Amino acid sequence: MENDLREFIYLDSLSVQSLLASQGVGIAQEEVETDENTTEASLRSKLSAGINFPFVGSGKGEVDVSGTRTGTEILETKKKINDQVLFTRLYDELEDSITTLPDDRAEDTGDSLSLNNGDIVEISGITRTDPLYRMLNVASLFARIDAFDINKENIEQAREAIYGKQIGMVTDVPDDDWNYAMSVERENLWVDDPQREFLGSRRYTVFGRVEAIIPPNDKWDYIDILQIAGTIVSKDSLSSVRTLVDEFVELIDGYQQEIPLPQLGEISIDDLSENNEPPTRNSTISIDIEDKDVSVDGKAVVIKPIAVYW
């Protein structure tokens, strides 16, 4: 695996450092200082934006980046490079104990699975979020167009309320009757605009640890709020909430709206020279959702992702 190229979309650097420490692998002081300086710079940046923290410790690093955006960006870039190096070190350390799914369990049959909680696994496949999250993302983009009567602020608030700090995803593997689900922490994403990732069109590799095995006739919820609710409400109540979300998705599926779109092919040179509005024609925009499931059916492996890359 030494020659593999990795472009990270997600990396949990704290998990990487923790697992390295559990293997007795030390981390260079320079890497520790970079991490501390970047954290301090991030906190100061948030403070300057008007976010109050009860306490911010003083930094002892060699680089002072307070008040400079360029300095903060340099530190963040350096930290990401260090994190990638640490991940490679961790991967090499654990390579012999990695279970590659589904190949390394090819001998399993029926509903059994030779995996235990905490096992290190790696899986590659088309990775996507649930349809509701994708719909909210599309609605947020359409809110930029005046022809659509959509309040972008309301969409953002709904997404924050429903998903919290986590985004649920599933990795599809062809010809495999097991599902592979996970939740990624937003703060560990390496992309500025996660709504453009995980649309079901790119193959990713997920490296992580087994968090749970979902048996047949049970479900795992993409949505953060449902995962939390599942710890305190009855199965019947949770099933009712899932049905409500399913009905909402069904309601949105097939929605149509006519909007005036510019006909650029019919604009003339005179129109351009006089800054006239281009002619428009009503066009129908319709929503077609292929996969409507807001939960993952068992049999499923729930993975705590450490890294997602392609």
C-alpha atoms as a PDB file:
ATOM      1  CA  MET A   1       0.000   0.000   0.000  1.00  0.00           C
ATOM      2  CA  GLU A   2       3.067   2.299   0.094  1.00  0.00           C
ATOM      3  CA  ASN A   3       2.499   3.580  -3.441  1.00  0.00           C
ATOM      4  CA  ASP A   4      -1.194   4.333  -3.007  1.00  0.00           C
ATOM      5  CA  LEU A   5      -2.231   7.941  -3.607  1.00  0.00           C
ATOM      6  CA  ARG A   6      -4.669   9.328  -1.059  1.00  0.00           C
ATOM      7  CA  GLU A   7      -6.658  12.535  -1.354  1.00  0.00           C
ATOM      8  CA  PHE A   8      -8.437  12.955   1.958  1.00  0.00           C
ATOM      9  CA  ILE A   9     -12.007  14.092   2.294  1.00  0.00           C
ATOM     10  CA  TYR A  10     -12.138  13.259   5.991  1.00  0.00           C
ATOM     11  CA  LEU A  11      -9.534  12.555   8.655  1.00  0.00           C
ATOM     12  CA  ASP A  12     -10.010  12.206  12.409  1.00  0.00           C
ATOM     13  CA  SER A  13      -6.556  13.270  13.566  1.00  0.00           C
ATOM     14  CA  LEU A  14      -7.372  12.701  17.259  1.00  0.00           C
ATOM     15  CA  SER A  15      -8.235   9.053  16.560  1.00  0.00           C
ATOM     16  CA  VAL A  16      -5.043   8.655  14.539  1.00  0.00           C
ATOM     17  CA  GLN A  17      -2.915  10.016  17.393  1.00  0.00           C
ATOM     18  CA  SER A  18      -4.787   7.932  19.982  1.00  0.00           C
ATOM     19  CA  LEU A  19      -4.329   4.697  18.032  1.00  0.00           C
ATOM     20  CA  LEU A  20      -0.653   5.451  17.431  1.00  0.00           C
ATOM     21  CA  ALA A  21      -0.194   5.998  21.150  1.00  0.00           C
ATOM     22  CA  SER A  22      -1.930   2.694  21.896  1.00  0.00           C
ATOM     23  CA  GLN A  23       0.628   1.007  19.626  1.00  0.00           C
ATOM     24  CA  GLY A  24       3.487   2.658  21.487  1.00  0.00           C
ATOM     25  CA  VAL A  25       4.365   4.922  18.559  1.00  0.00           C
ATOM     26  CA  GLY A  26       5.563   8.362  19.622  1.00  0.00           C
ATOM     27  CA  ILE A  27       4.721  11.619  17.871  1.00  0.00           C
ATOM     28  CA  ALA A  28       7.428  14.177  17.109  1.00  0.00           C
ATOM     29  CA  GLN A  29       7.379  17.363  19.196  1.00  0.00           C
ATOM     30  CA  GLU A  30       7.174  19.493  16.043  1.00  0.00           C
ATOM     31  CA  GLU A  31       3.951  17.744  15.043  1.00  0.00           C
ATOM     32  CA  VAL A  32       2.489  18.298  18.522  1.00  0.00           C
ATOM     33  CA  GLU A  33       3.402  22.000  18.452  1.00  0.00           C
ATOM     34  CA  THR A  34       1.852  22.440  15.005  1.00  0.00           C
ATOM     35  CA  ASP A  35      -1.365  20.876  16.248  1.00  0.00           C
ATOM     36  CA  GLU A  36      -1.423  23.117  19.323  1.00  0.00           C
ATOM     37  CA  ASN A  37      -0.677  26.267  17.333  1.00  0.00           C
ATOM     38  CA  THR A  38      -3.369  25.488  14.775  1.00  0.00           C
ATOM     39  CA  THR A  39      -5.934  24.883  17.512  1.00  0.00           C
ATOM     40  CA  GLU A  40      -5.007  28.167  19.180  1.00  0.00           C
ATOM     41  CA  ALA A  41      -5.210  30.047  15.878  1.00  0.00           C
ATOM     42  CA  SER A  42      -8.623  28.528  15.192  1.00  0.00           C
ATOM     43  CA  LEU A  43      -9.898  29.551  18.628  1.00  0.00           C
ATOM     44  CA  ARG A  44      -8.622  33.100  18.243  1.00  0.00           C
ATOM     45  CA  SER A  45     -10.202  33.339  14.819  1.00  0.00           C
ATOM     46  CA  LYS A  46     -13.553  32.265  16.280  1.00  0.00           C
ATOM     47  CA  LEU A  47     -13.183  34.739  19.138  1.00  0.00           C
ATOM     48  CA  SER A  48     -12.573  37.575  16.693  1.00  0.00           C
ATOM     49  CA  ALA A  49     -15.762  36.527  14.898  1.00  0.00           C
ATOM     50  CA  GLY A  50     -17.762  37.136  18.063  1.00  0.00           C
ATOM     51  CA  ILE A  51     -17.962  33.581  19.448  1.00  0.00           C
ATOM     52  CA  ASN A  52     -17.381  33.519  23.200  1.00  0.00           C
ATOM     53  CA  PHE A  53     -15.364  30.804  24.920  1.00  0.00           C
ATOM     54  CA  PRO A  54     -15.226  30.453  28.703  1.00  0.00           C
ATOM     55  CA  PHE A  55     -11.475  29.895  28.633  1.00  0.00           C
ATOM     56  CA  VAL A  56      -8.699  29.883  26.071  1.00  0.00           C
ATOM     57  CA  GLY A  57      -5.292  28.678  27.222  1.00  0.00           C
ATOM     58  CA  SER A  58      -2.117  30.473  26.287  1.00  0.00           C
ATOM     59  CA  GLY A  59      -0.064  28.879  23.512  1.00  0.00           C
ATOM     60  CA  LYS A  60       3.589  28.038  23.928  1.00  0.00           C
ATOM     61  CA  GLY A  61       4.385  27.242  20.322  1.00  0.00           C
ATOM     62  CA  GLU A  62       7.185  28.823  18.366  1.00  0.00           C
ATOM     63  CA  VAL A  63       4.912  30.424  15.770  1.00  0.00           C
ATOM     64  CA  ASP A  64       2.656  33.357  16.626  1.00  0.00           C
ATOM     65  CA  VAL A  65      -0.186  33.530  14.131  1.00  0.00           C
ATOM     66  CA  SER A  66      -2.657  35.579  16.161  1.00  0.00           C
ATOM     67  CA  GLY A  67      -4.549  38.053  14.036  1.00  0.00           C
ATOM     68  CA  THR A  68      -3.102  36.926  10.719  1.00  0.00           C
ATOM     69  CA  ARG A  69      -5.247  34.937   8.325  1.00  0.00           C
ATOM     70  CA  THR A  70      -2.250  33.956   6.204  1.00  0.00           C
ATOM     71  CA  GLY A  71      -0.416  32.618   9.255  1.00  0.00           C
ATOM     72  CA  THR A  72      -3.451  30.580  10.271  1.00  0.00           C
ATOM     73  CA  GLU A  73      -3.760  29.092   6.776  1.00  0.00           C
ATOM     74  CA  ILE A  74      -0.063  28.170   6.765  1.00  0.00           C
ATOM     75  CA  LEU A  75      -0.438  26.393  10.104  1.00  0.00           C
ATOM     76  CA  GLU A  76      -3.580  24.581   8.987  1.00  0.00           C
ATOM     77  CA  THR A  77      -1.831  23.390   5.827  1.00  0.00           C
ATOM     78  CA  LYS A  78       1.175  22.233   7.841  1.00  0.00           C
ATOM     79  CA  LYS A  79      -1.101  20.394  10.276  1.00  0.00           C
ATOM     80  CA  LYS A  80      -2.872  18.594   7.435  1.00  0.00           C
ATOM     81  CA  ILE A  81       0.443  17.484   6.001  1.00  0.00           C
ATOM     82  CA  ASN A  82       1.530  16.217   9.414  1.00  0.00           C
ATOM     83  CA  ASP A  83      -1.818  14.439   9.878  1.00  0.00           C
ATOM     84  CA  GLN A  84      -1.383  12.642   6.552  1.00  0.00           C
ATOM     85  CA  VAL A  85       2.099  11.513   7.559  1.00  0.00           C
ATOM     86  CA  LEU A  86       0.745  10.253  10.891  1.00  0.00           C
ATOM     87  CA  PHE A  87      -2.058   8.389   9.129  1.00  0.00           C
ATOM     88  CA  THR A  88       0.426   6.658   6.817  1.00  0.00           C
ATOM     89  CA  ARG A  89       2.455   5.681   9.869  1.00  0.00           C
ATOM     90  CA  LEU A  90      -0.683   4.298  11.547  1.00  0.00           C
ATOM     91  CA  TYR A  91      -1.721   2.410   8.398  1.00  0.00           C
ATOM     92  CA  ASP A  92       1.693   0.777   8.127  1.00  0.00           C
ATOM     93  CA  GLU A  93       1.588  -0.103  11.823  1.00  0.00           C
ATOM     94  CA  LEU A  94      -1.835  -1.778  11.567  1.00  0.00           C
ATOM     95  CA  GLU A  95      -1.654  -3.171   8.019  1.00  0.00           C
ATOM     96  CA  ASP A  96      -1.453  -6.805   9.080  1.00  0.00           C
ATOM     97  CA  SER A  97      -4.593  -6.480  11.228  1.00  0.00           C
ATOM     98  CA  ILE A  98      -6.778  -4.628   8.695  1.00  0.00           C
ATOM     99  CA  THR A  99      -9.867  -6.487   7.489  1.00  0.00           C
ATOM    100  CA  THR A 100     -10.630  -5.489   3.902  1.00  0.00           C
ATOM    101  CA  LEU A 101     -14.386  -5.646   3.341  1.00  0.00           C
ATOM    102  CA  PRO A 102     -15.996  -7.564   1.828  1.00  0.00           C
ATOM    103  CA  ASP A 103     -13.083  -9.705   0.530  1.00  0.00           C
ATOM    104  CA  ASP A 104     -11.714 -10.798   3.894  1.00  0.00           C
ATOM    105  CA  ARG A 105     -15.065 -12.170   4.982  1.00  0.00           C
ATOM    106  CA  ALA A 106     -15.851 -14.049   1.763  1.00  0.00           C
ATOM    107  CA  GLU A 107     -16.146 -17.301   3.684  1.00  0.00           C
ATOM    108  CA  ASP A 108     -18.956 -15.952   5.861  1.00  0.00           C
ATOM    109  CA  THR A 109     -22.435 -17.194   5.059  1.00  0.00           C
ATOM    110  CA  GLY A 110     -25.935 -16.310   6.118  1.00  0.00           C
ATOM    111  CA  ASP A 111     -26.337 -13.741   8.875  1.00  0.00           C
ATOM    112  CA  SER A 112     -22.997 -14.398  10.582  1.00  0.00           C
ATOM    113  CA  LEU A 113     -20.006 -12.107  10.321  1.00  0.00           C
ATOM    114  CA  SER A 114     -16.504 -12.721  11.634  1.00  0.00           C
ATOM    115  CA  LEU A 115     -16.077  -9.194  12.934  1.00  0.00           C
ATOM    116  CA  ASN A 116     -16.031  -7.744  16.429  1.00  0.00           C
ATOM    117  CA  ASN A 117     -16.526  -4.239  17.742  1.00  0.00           C
ATOM    118  CA  GLY A 118     -13.268  -2.333  17.522  1.00  0.00           C
ATOM    119  CA  ASP A 119     -11.832  -4.303  14.592  1.00  0.00           C
ATOM    120  CA  ILE A 120      -9.902  -2.243  12.035  1.00  0.00           C
ATOM    121  CA  VAL A 121     -11.614  -2.357   8.622  1.00  0.00           C
ATOM    122  CA  GLU A 122     -11.194  -0.843   5.191  1.00  0.00           C
ATOM    123  CA  ILE A 123     -13.829  -0.729   2.482  1.00  0.00           C
ATOM    124  CA  SER A 124     -14.070   0.878  -0.963  1.00  0.00           C
ATOM    125  CA  GLY A 125     -17.265   1.700  -2.816  1.00  0.00           C
ATOM    126  CA  ILE A 126     -19.722   4.384  -3.882  1.00  0.00           C
ATOM    127  CA  THR A 127     -20.376   6.441  -0.768  1.00  0.00           C
ATOM    128  CA  ARG A 128     -23.464   8.635  -0.424  1.00  0.00           C
ATOM    129  CA  THR A 129     -25.567  10.456   2.124  1.00  0.00           C
ATOM    130  CA  ASP A 130     -29.286   9.978   2.679  1.00  0.00           C
ATOM    131  CA  PRO A 131     -31.820  11.604   0.295  1.00  0.00           C
ATOM    132  CA  LEU A 132     -33.116  14.145   2.833  1.00  0.00           C
ATOM    133  CA  TYR A 133     -29.638  15.598   3.347  1.00  0.00           C
ATOM    134  CA  ARG A 134     -29.101  15.818  -0.406  1.00  0.00           C
ATOM    135  CA  MET A 135     -32.495  17.465  -0.851  1.00  0.00           C
ATOM    136  CA  LEU A 136     -31.692  20.129   1.725  1.00  0.00           C
ATOM    137  CA  ASN A 137     -28.393  20.766  -0.060  1.00  0.00           C
ATOM    138  CA  VAL A 138     -30.121  21.178  -3.420  1.00  0.00           C
ATOM    139  CA  ALA A 139     -32.760  23.442  -1.859  1.00  0.00           C
ATOM    140  CA  SER A 140     -29.960  25.579  -0.415  1.00  0.00           C
ATOM    141  CA  LEU A 141     -28.423  25.955  -3.881  1.00  0.00           C
ATOM    142  CA  PHE A 142     -31.781  26.736  -5.524  1.00  0.00           C
ATOM    143  CA  ALA A 143     -32.390  29.390  -2.856  1.00  0.00           C
ATOM    144  CA  ARG A 144     -29.780  31.502  -4.636  1.00  0.00           C
ATOM    145  CA  ILE A 145     -32.104  31.767  -7.649  1.00  0.00           C
ATOM    146  CA  ASP A 146     -34.788  34.441  -7.319  1.00  0.00           C
ATOM    147  CA  ALA A 147     -37.291  32.391  -9.332  1.00  0.00           C
ATOM    148  CA  PHE A 148     -37.448  29.838  -6.491  1.00  0.00           C
ATOM    149  CA  ASP A 149     -39.331  30.993  -3.418  1.00  0.00           C
ATOM    150  CA  ILE A 150     -36.942  29.335  -0.951  1.00  0.00           C
ATOM    151  CA  ASN A 151     -35.571  30.898   2.219  1.00  0.00           C
ATOM    152  CA  LYS A 152     -31.914  29.860   2.420  1.00  0.00           C
ATOM    153  CA  GLU A 153     -31.674  30.710   6.120  1.00  0.00           C
ATOM    154  CA  ASN A 154     -34.576  28.395   6.944  1.00  0.00           C
ATOM    155  CA  ILE A 155     -32.941  25.572   4.973  1.00  0.00           C
ATOM    156  CA  GLU A 156     -29.641  26.041   6.825  1.00  0.00           C
ATOM    157  CA  GLN A 157     -31.416  26.045  10.193  1.00  0.00           C
ATOM    158  CA  ALA A 158     -33.324  22.875   9.292  1.00  0.00           C
ATOM    159  CA  ARG A 159     -30.117  21.112   8.256  1.00  0.00           C
ATOM    160  CA  GLU A 160     -28.386  22.123  11.498  1.00  0.00           C
ATOM    161  CA  ALA A 161     -31.346  21.030  13.632  1.00  0.00           C
ATOM    162  CA  ILE A 162     -31.799  17.645  11.940  1.00  0.00           C
ATOM    163  CA  TYR A 163     -28.178  16.604  11.451  1.00  0.00           C
ATOM    164  CA  GLY A 164     -26.340  18.297  14.288  1.00  0.00           C
ATOM    165  CA  LYS A 165     -22.593  17.752  14.027  1.00  0.00           C
ATOM    166  CA  GLN A 166     -22.765  14.472  12.104  1.00  0.00           C
ATOM    167  CA  ILE A 167     -23.611  13.397   8.557  1.00  0.00           C
ATOM    168  CA  GLY A 168     -24.765   9.820   8.001  1.00  0.00           C
ATOM    169  CA  MET A 169     -23.483   7.914   4.979  1.00  0.00           C
ATOM    170  CA  VAL A 170     -23.478   4.445   3.461  1.00  0.00           C
ATOM    171  CA  THR A 171     -20.911   2.737   1.230  1.00  0.00           C
ATOM    172  CA  ASP A 172     -22.379   0.499  -1.473  1.00  0.00           C
ATOM    173  CA  VAL A 173     -20.501  -2.609  -2.584  1.00  0.00           C
ATOM    174  CA  PRO A 174     -21.909  -4.425  -5.660  1.00  0.00           C
ATOM    175  CA  ASP A 175     -23.149  -7.992  -5.175  1.00  0.00           C
ATOM    176  CA  ASP A 176     -22.920  -7.773  -1.384  1.00  0.00           C
ATOM    177  CA  ASP A 177     -25.992  -8.310   0.794  1.00  0.00           C
ATOM    178  CA  TRP A 178     -24.422  -6.479   3.751  1.00  0.00           C
ATOM    179  CA  ASN A 179     -24.742  -2.708   4.183  1.00  0.00           C
ATOM    180  CA  TYR A 180     -21.888  -0.515   5.450  1.00  0.00           C
ATOM    181  CA  ALA A 181     -22.929   2.618   7.315  1.00  0.00           C
ATOM    182  CA  MET A 182     -21.130   5.408   9.151  1.00  0.00           C
ATOM    183  CA  SER A 183     -21.424   8.928  10.552  1.00  0.00           C
ATOM    184  CA  VAL A 184     -18.749  11.516   9.847  1.00  0.00           C
ATOM    185  CA  GLU A 185     -18.051  14.448  12.165  1.00  0.00           C
ATOM    186  CA  ARG A 186     -18.348  17.731  10.304  1.00  0.00           C
ATOM    187  CA  GLU A 187     -15.340  19.239  12.070  1.00  0.00           C
ATOM    188  CA  ASN A 188     -13.088  16.511  10.643  1.00  0.00           C
ATOM    189  CA  LEU A 189     -14.129  17.061   7.017  1.00  0.00           C
ATOM    190  CA  TRP A 190     -11.371  18.347   4.744  1.00  0.00           C
ATOM    191  CA  VAL A 191     -13.740  19.963   2.244  1.00  0.00           C
ATOM    192  CA  ASP A 192     -15.155  23.471   2.578  1.00  0.00           C
ATOM    193  CA  ASP A 193     -18.442  22.517   0.959  1.00  0.00           C
ATOM    194  CA  PRO A 194     -19.464  18.970   2.030  1.00  0.00           C
ATOM    195  CA  GLN A 195     -22.814  19.270   0.252  1.00  0.00           C
ATOM    196  CA  ARG A 196     -20.936  18.744  -3.023  1.00  0.00           C
ATOM    197  CA  GLU A 197     -19.344  15.499  -1.809  1.00  0.00           C
ATOM    198  CA  PHE A 198     -20.862  12.057  -1.245  1.00  0.00           C
ATOM    199  CA  LEU A 199     -23.491  12.420  -3.960  1.00  0.00           C
ATOM    200  CA  GLY A 200     -23.242   8.781  -4.954  1.00  0.00           C
ATOM    201  CA  SER A 201     -21.041   9.377  -7.971  1.00  0.00           C
ATOM    202  CA  ARG A 202     -17.507   8.791  -6.654  1.00  0.00           C
ATOM    203  CA  ARG A 203     -15.754   5.764  -5.227  1.00  0.00           C
ATOM    204  CA  TYR A 204     -14.187   6.363  -1.813  1.00  0.00           C
ATOM    205  CA  THR A 205     -12.139   4.256   0.559  1.00  0.00           C
ATOM    206  CA  VAL A 206     -13.212   4.276   4.202  1.00  0.00           C
ATOM    207  CA  PHE A 207     -10.754   3.291   6.944  1.00  0.00           C
ATOM    208  CA  GLY A 208     -12.128   2.876  10.451  1.00  0.00           C
ATOM    209  CA  ARG A 209     -13.201   0.622  13.298  1.00  0.00           C
ATOM    210  CA  VAL A 210     -16.292  -1.545  13.652  1.00  0.00           C
ATOM    211  CA  GLU A 211     -18.735   0.275  15.909  1.00  0.00           C
ATOM    212  CA  ALA A 212     -21.734  -2.075  15.759  1.00  0.00           C
ATOM    213  CA  ILE A 213     -23.317  -4.944  13.842  1.00  0.00           C
ATOM    214  CA  ILE A 214     -26.958  -4.339  12.927  1.00  0.00           C
ATOM    215  CA  PRO A 215     -28.887  -7.644  12.791  1.00  0.00           C
ATOM    216  CA  PRO A 216     -31.573  -8.533  10.223  1.00  0.00           C
ATOM    217  CA  ASN A 217     -34.973  -6.882  10.738  1.00  0.00           C
ATOM    218  CA  ASP A 218     -33.343  -3.908  12.465  1.00  0.00           C
ATOM    219  CA  LYS A 219     -32.312  -0.497  11.124  1.00  0.00           C
ATOM    220  CA  TRP A 220     -29.585   2.125  11.423  1.00  0.00           C
ATOM    221  CA  ASP A 221     -30.617   5.764  10.940  1.00  0.00           C
ATOM    222  CA  TYR A 222     -28.651   8.201   8.817  1.00  0.00           C
ATOM    223  CA  ILE A 223     -30.049  11.163  10.723  1.00  0.00           C
ATOM    224  CA  ASP A 224     -28.222  12.219  13.869  1.00  0.00           C
ATOM    225  CA  ILE A 225     -31.377  13.188  15.745  1.00  0.00           C
ATOM    226  CA  LEU A 226     -32.938   9.763  15.115  1.00  0.00           C
ATOM    227  CA  GLN A 227     -29.778   7.981  16.273  1.00  0.00           C
ATOM    228  CA  ILE A 228     -29.947   9.865  19.565  1.00  0.00           C
ATOM    229  CA  ALA A 229     -33.698   9.386  19.908  1.00  0.00           C
ATOM    230  CA  GLY A 230     -33.253   5.643  19.377  1.00  0.00           C
ATOM    231  CA  THR A 231     -31.439   5.406  22.715  1.00  0.00           C
ATOM    232  CA  ILE A 232     -34.443   6.558  24.754  1.00  0.00           C
ATOM    233  CA  VAL A 233     -37.649   6.020  22.768  1.00  0.00           C
ATOM    234  CA  SER A 234     -39.394   2.745  22.018  1.00  0.00           C
ATOM    235  CA  LYS A 235     -38.962   0.948  18.712  1.00  0.00           C
ATOM    236  CA  ASP A 236     -42.607   1.620  17.825  1.00  0.00           C
ATOM    237  CA  SER A 237     -42.193   5.353  18.436  1.00  0.00           C
ATOM    238  CA  LEU A 238     -38.979   5.465  16.439  1.00  0.00           C
ATOM    239  CA  SER A 239     -40.671   3.581  13.622  1.00  0.00           C
ATOM    240  CA  SER A 240     -43.430   6.224  13.576  1.00  0.00           C
ATOM    241  CA  VAL A 241     -40.851   9.019  13.247  1.00  0.00           C
ATOM    242  CA  ARG A 242     -39.119   7.155  10.412  1.00  0.00           C
ATOM    243  CA  THR A 243     -42.469   6.790   8.655  1.00  0.00           C
ATOM    244  CA  LEU A 244     -43.055  10.529   8.996  1.00  0.00           C
ATOM    245  CA  VAL A 245     -39.669  11.300   7.417  1.00  0.00           C
ATOM    246  CA  ASP A 246     -40.315   8.712   4.687  1.00  0.00           C
ATOM    247  CA  GLU A 247     -43.643  10.377   3.876  1.00  0.00           C
ATOM    248  CA  PHE A 248     -41.948  13.772   3.652  1.00  0.00           C
ATOM    249  CA  VAL A 249     -39.394  12.396   1.184  1.00  0.00           C
ATOM    250  CA  GLU A 250     -42.194  10.800  -0.852  1.00  0.00           C
ATOM    251  CA  LEU A 251     -44.019  14.140  -0.857  1.00  0.00           C
ATOM    252  CA  ILE A 252     -40.975  15.973  -2.216  1.00  0.00           C
ATOM    253  CA  ASP A 253     -40.266  13.277  -4.814  1.00  0.00           C
ATOM    254  CA  GLY A 254     -41.982  14.240  -8.039  1.00  0.00           C
ATOM    255  CA  TYR A 255     -42.436  17.894  -7.013  1.00  0.00           C
ATOM    256  CA  GLN A 256     -42.590  20.187 -10.031  1.00  0.00           C
ATOM    257  CA  GLN A 257     -42.338  23.929 -10.491  1.00  0.00           C
ATOM    258  CA  GLU A 258     -42.363  26.120 -13.561  1.00  0.00           C
ATOM    259  CA  ILE A 259     -39.773  28.861 -13.608  1.00  0.00           C
ATOM    260  CA  PRO A 260     -38.711  31.339 -16.299  1.00  0.00           C
ATOM    261  CA  LEU A 261     -35.285  30.440 -17.632  1.00  0.00           C
ATOM    262  CA  PRO A 262     -33.325  32.715 -19.983  1.00  0.00           C
ATOM    263  CA  GLN A 263     -33.162  31.663 -23.615  1.00  0.00           C
ATOM    264  CA  LEU A 264     -29.614  32.694 -24.398  1.00  0.00           C
ATOM    265  CA  GLY A 265     -29.827  31.297 -27.913  1.00  0.00           C
ATOM    266  CA  GLU A 266     -32.440  33.905 -28.805  1.00  0.00           C
ATOM    267  CA  ILE A 267     -30.582  36.963 -27.514  1.00  0.00           C
ATOM    268  CA  SER A 268     -29.409  39.419 -30.158  1.00  0.00           C
ATOM    269  CA  ILE A 269     -26.339  41.641 -30.465  1.00  0.00           C
ATOM    270  CA  ASP A 270     -28.578  44.660 -29.880  1.00  0.00           C
ATOM    271  CA  ASP A 271     -29.807  43.151 -26.643  1.00  0.00           C
ATOM    272  CA  LEU A 272     -26.228  42.695 -25.478  1.00  0.00           C
ATOM    273  CA  SER A 273     -25.167  46.209 -26.448  1.00  0.00           C
ATOM    274  CA  GLU A 274     -28.211  47.757 -24.712  1.00  0.00           C
ATOM    275  CA  ASN A 275     -27.924  45.543 -21.619  1.00  0.00           C
ATOM    276  CA  ASN A 276     -31.442  44.265 -22.158  1.00  0.00           C
ATOM    277  CA  GLU A 277     -32.752  41.286 -20.204  1.00  0.00           C
ATOM    278  CA  PRO A 278     -32.549  38.091 -22.301  1.00  0.00           C
ATOM    279  CA  PRO A 279     -35.849  36.542 -23.440  1.00  0.00           C
ATOM    280  CA  THR A 280     -37.217  33.855 -21.124  1.00  0.00           C
ATOM    281  CA  ARG A 281     -39.380  30.773 -21.457  1.00  0.00           C
ATOM    282  CA  ASN A 282     -41.151  28.820 -18.728  1.00  0.00           C
ATOM    283  CA  SER A 283     -39.451  25.510 -18.017  1.00  0.00           C
ATOM    284  CA  THR A 284     -40.505  22.762 -15.639  1.00  0.00           C
ATOM    285  CA  ILE A 285     -38.113  21.725 -12.893  1.00  0.00           C
ATOM    286  CA  SER A 286     -38.987  18.365 -11.318  1.00  0.00           C
ATOM    287  CA  ILE A 287     -37.454  16.354  -8.473  1.00  0.00           C
ATOM    288  CA  ASP A 288     -36.698  12.675  -8.998  1.00  0.00           C
ATOM    289  CA  ILE A 289     -35.284  10.783  -6.007  1.00  0.00           C
ATOM    290  CA  GLU A 290     -34.029   7.317  -6.864  1.00  0.00           C
ATOM    291  CA  ASP A 291     -33.077   6.129  -3.382  1.00  0.00           C
ATOM    292  CA  LYS A 292     -35.584   7.300  -0.771  1.00  0.00           C
ATOM    293  CA  ASP A 293     -34.424   5.354   2.280  1.00  0.00           C
ATOM    294  CA  VAL A 294     -33.611   7.466   5.350  1.00  0.00           C
ATOM    295  CA  SER A 295     -32.353   4.426   7.253  1.00  0.00           C
ATOM    296  CA  VAL A 296     -30.126   1.452   6.498  1.00  0.00           C
ATOM    297  CA  ASP A 297     -31.572  -2.034   6.833  1.00  0.00           C
ATOM    298  CA  GLY A 298     -29.754  -4.803   8.689  1.00  0.00           C
ATOM    299  CA  LYS A 299     -27.687  -6.780   8.000  1.00  0.00           C
ATOM    300  CA  ALA A 300     -25.281  -3.890   8.363  1.00  0.00           C
ATOM    301  CA  VAL A 301     -21.843  -3.033   9.679  1.00  0.00           C
ATOM    302  CA  VAL A 302     -21.621   0.378  11.356  1.00  0.00           C
ATOM    303  CA  ILE A 303     -18.122   1.819  10.996  1.00  0.00           C
ATOM    304  CA  LYS A 304     -16.572   4.650  13.003  1.00  0.00           C
ATOM    305  CA  PRO A 305     -14.582   6.326  10.212  1.00  0.00           C
ATOM    306  CA  ILE A 306     -11.036   7.465  10.855  1.00  0.00           C
ATOM    307  CA  ALA A 307     -10.282   8.447   7.254  1.00  0.00           C
ATOM    308  CA  VAL A 308     -12.201   8.784   3.996  1.00  0.00           C
ATOM    309  CA  TYR A 309     -10.185   9.322   0.822  1.00  0.00           C
ATOM    310  CA  TRP A 310     -10.040   8.588  -2.887  1.00  0.00           C
END
